[in-house]
């Protein structure tokens, strides 16, 4: 079942299948370690839902919802 990172609830984990977007946004995500095959766990969400904080590759990363929408699990 295909799921977006934005569909995760706190504590959910998964492996990235693909990263969408193009240009600078896609390159920025790849530079931060958001690549296919990486294990991701949702740690917390801001009170209004944006941004979110995830654990990936041994560190914590904050992503905007527009960026998280590009990550398919």
C-alpha atoms as a PDB file:
ATOM      1  CA  UNK A   1       0.000   0.000   0.000  1.00  0.00           C
ATOM      2  CA  UNK A   2       1.367   3.389  -1.004  1.00  0.00           C
ATOM      3  CA  UNK A   3       1.366   5.990   1.735  1.00  0.00           C
ATOM      4  CA  UNK A   4       2.698   9.526   1.917  1.00  0.00           C
ATOM      5  CA  UNK A   5       4.857  10.730   4.782  1.00  0.00           C
ATOM      6  CA  UNK A   6       2.098  13.247   5.540  1.00  0.00           C
ATOM      7  CA  UNK A   7      -0.269  10.319   6.314  1.00  0.00           C
ATOM      8  CA  UNK A   8       1.907   9.104   9.197  1.00  0.00           C
ATOM      9  CA  UNK A   9       0.825   9.394  12.810  1.00  0.00           C
ATOM     10  CA  UNK A  10       3.368  10.025  15.577  1.00  0.00           C
ATOM     11  CA  UNK A  11       5.460   6.891  16.080  1.00  0.00           C
ATOM     12  CA  UNK A  12       4.777   5.437  12.603  1.00  0.00           C
ATOM     13  CA  UNK A  13       7.799   4.168  10.670  1.00  0.00           C
ATOM     14  CA  UNK A  14       8.417   3.181   7.094  1.00  0.00           C
ATOM     15  CA  UNK A  15      10.926   2.895   4.290  1.00  0.00           C
ATOM     16  CA  UNK A  16      10.984   5.543   1.578  1.00  0.00           C
ATOM     17  CA  UNK A  17       9.989   4.154  -1.831  1.00  0.00           C
ATOM     18  CA  UNK A  18      10.301   7.341  -3.875  1.00  0.00           C
ATOM     19  CA  UNK A  19      10.837  11.075  -3.634  1.00  0.00           C
ATOM     20  CA  UNK A  20       8.912  13.332  -5.994  1.00  0.00           C
ATOM     21  CA  UNK A  21       9.409  16.943  -6.904  1.00  0.00           C
ATOM     22  CA  UNK A  22      11.951  18.440  -9.204  1.00  0.00           C
ATOM     23  CA  UNK A  23      14.842  20.834  -9.292  1.00  0.00           C
ATOM     24  CA  UNK A  24      15.995  22.473  -6.076  1.00  0.00           C
ATOM     25  CA  UNK A  25      13.339  20.911  -3.868  1.00  0.00           C
ATOM     26  CA  UNK A  26      14.201  17.350  -4.884  1.00  0.00           C
ATOM     27  CA  UNK A  27      17.946  18.018  -4.608  1.00  0.00           C
ATOM     28  CA  UNK A  28      17.474  19.582  -1.161  1.00  0.00           C
ATOM     29  CA  UNK A  29      15.573  16.517   0.082  1.00  0.00           C
ATOM     30  CA  UNK A  30      18.266  14.194  -1.292  1.00  0.00           C
ATOM     31  CA  UNK A  31      21.012  16.327   0.300  1.00  0.00           C
ATOM     32  CA  UNK A  32      19.243  15.969   3.681  1.00  0.00           C
ATOM     33  CA  UNK A  33      19.246  12.170   3.342  1.00  0.00           C
ATOM     34  CA  UNK A  34      15.627  11.762   2.244  1.00  0.00           C
ATOM     35  CA  UNK A  35      16.322   9.070  -0.350  1.00  0.00           C
ATOM     36  CA  UNK A  36      14.692   5.796  -1.409  1.00  0.00           C
ATOM     37  CA  UNK A  37      15.543   2.977   0.995  1.00  0.00           C
ATOM     38  CA  UNK A  38      15.949   5.208   4.061  1.00  0.00           C
ATOM     39  CA  UNK A  39      14.024   4.289   7.227  1.00  0.00           C
ATOM     40  CA  UNK A  40      11.869   7.166   8.556  1.00  0.00           C
ATOM     41  CA  UNK A  41       9.981   7.553  11.860  1.00  0.00           C
ATOM     42  CA  UNK A  42       7.600  10.429  12.569  1.00  0.00           C
ATOM     43  CA  UNK A  43       8.612  11.958  15.909  1.00  0.00           C
ATOM     44  CA  UNK A  44       6.287  14.934  16.262  1.00  0.00           C
ATOM     45  CA  UNK A  45       4.046  17.423  14.513  1.00  0.00           C
ATOM     46  CA  UNK A  46       3.658  21.126  15.195  1.00  0.00           C
ATOM     47  CA  UNK A  47       0.345  22.121  16.840  1.00  0.00           C
ATOM     48  CA  UNK A  48      -1.148  23.130  13.476  1.00  0.00           C
ATOM     49  CA  UNK A  49       0.441  20.140  11.710  1.00  0.00           C
ATOM     50  CA  UNK A  50       3.211  22.005   9.890  1.00  0.00           C
ATOM     51  CA  UNK A  51       6.151  21.359  10.121  1.00  0.00           C
ATOM     52  CA  UNK A  52       6.818  17.762  11.111  1.00  0.00           C
ATOM     53  CA  UNK A  53       9.903  16.219  12.696  1.00  0.00           C
ATOM     54  CA  UNK A  54      11.218  12.841  11.570  1.00  0.00           C
ATOM     55  CA  UNK A  55      14.104  10.582  12.537  1.00  0.00           C
ATOM     56  CA  UNK A  56      16.116   9.528   9.491  1.00  0.00           C
ATOM     57  CA  UNK A  57      19.657   8.166   9.120  1.00  0.00           C
ATOM     58  CA  UNK A  58      20.458   8.688  12.819  1.00  0.00           C
ATOM     59  CA  UNK A  59      19.380  12.316  13.136  1.00  0.00           C
ATOM     60  CA  UNK A  60      16.213  14.371  13.534  1.00  0.00           C
ATOM     61  CA  UNK A  61      15.012  16.394  10.570  1.00  0.00           C
ATOM     62  CA  UNK A  62      12.243  18.978  10.331  1.00  0.00           C
ATOM     63  CA  UNK A  63      10.274  19.063   7.080  1.00  0.00           C
ATOM     64  CA  UNK A  64       7.573  21.363   5.807  1.00  0.00           C
ATOM     65  CA  UNK A  65       4.342  19.621   4.817  1.00  0.00           C
ATOM     66  CA  UNK A  66       4.919  20.596   1.155  1.00  0.00           C
ATOM     67  CA  UNK A  67       8.201  18.678   1.283  1.00  0.00           C
ATOM     68  CA  UNK A  68       6.719  15.719   3.178  1.00  0.00           C
ATOM     69  CA  UNK A  69       3.977  15.401   0.528  1.00  0.00           C
ATOM     70  CA  UNK A  70       6.685  14.465  -1.983  1.00  0.00           C
ATOM     71  CA  UNK A  71       7.860  11.426   0.035  1.00  0.00           C
ATOM     72  CA  UNK A  72       6.140   8.133  -0.800  1.00  0.00           C
ATOM     73  CA  UNK A  73       6.430   5.206   1.586  1.00  0.00           C
END
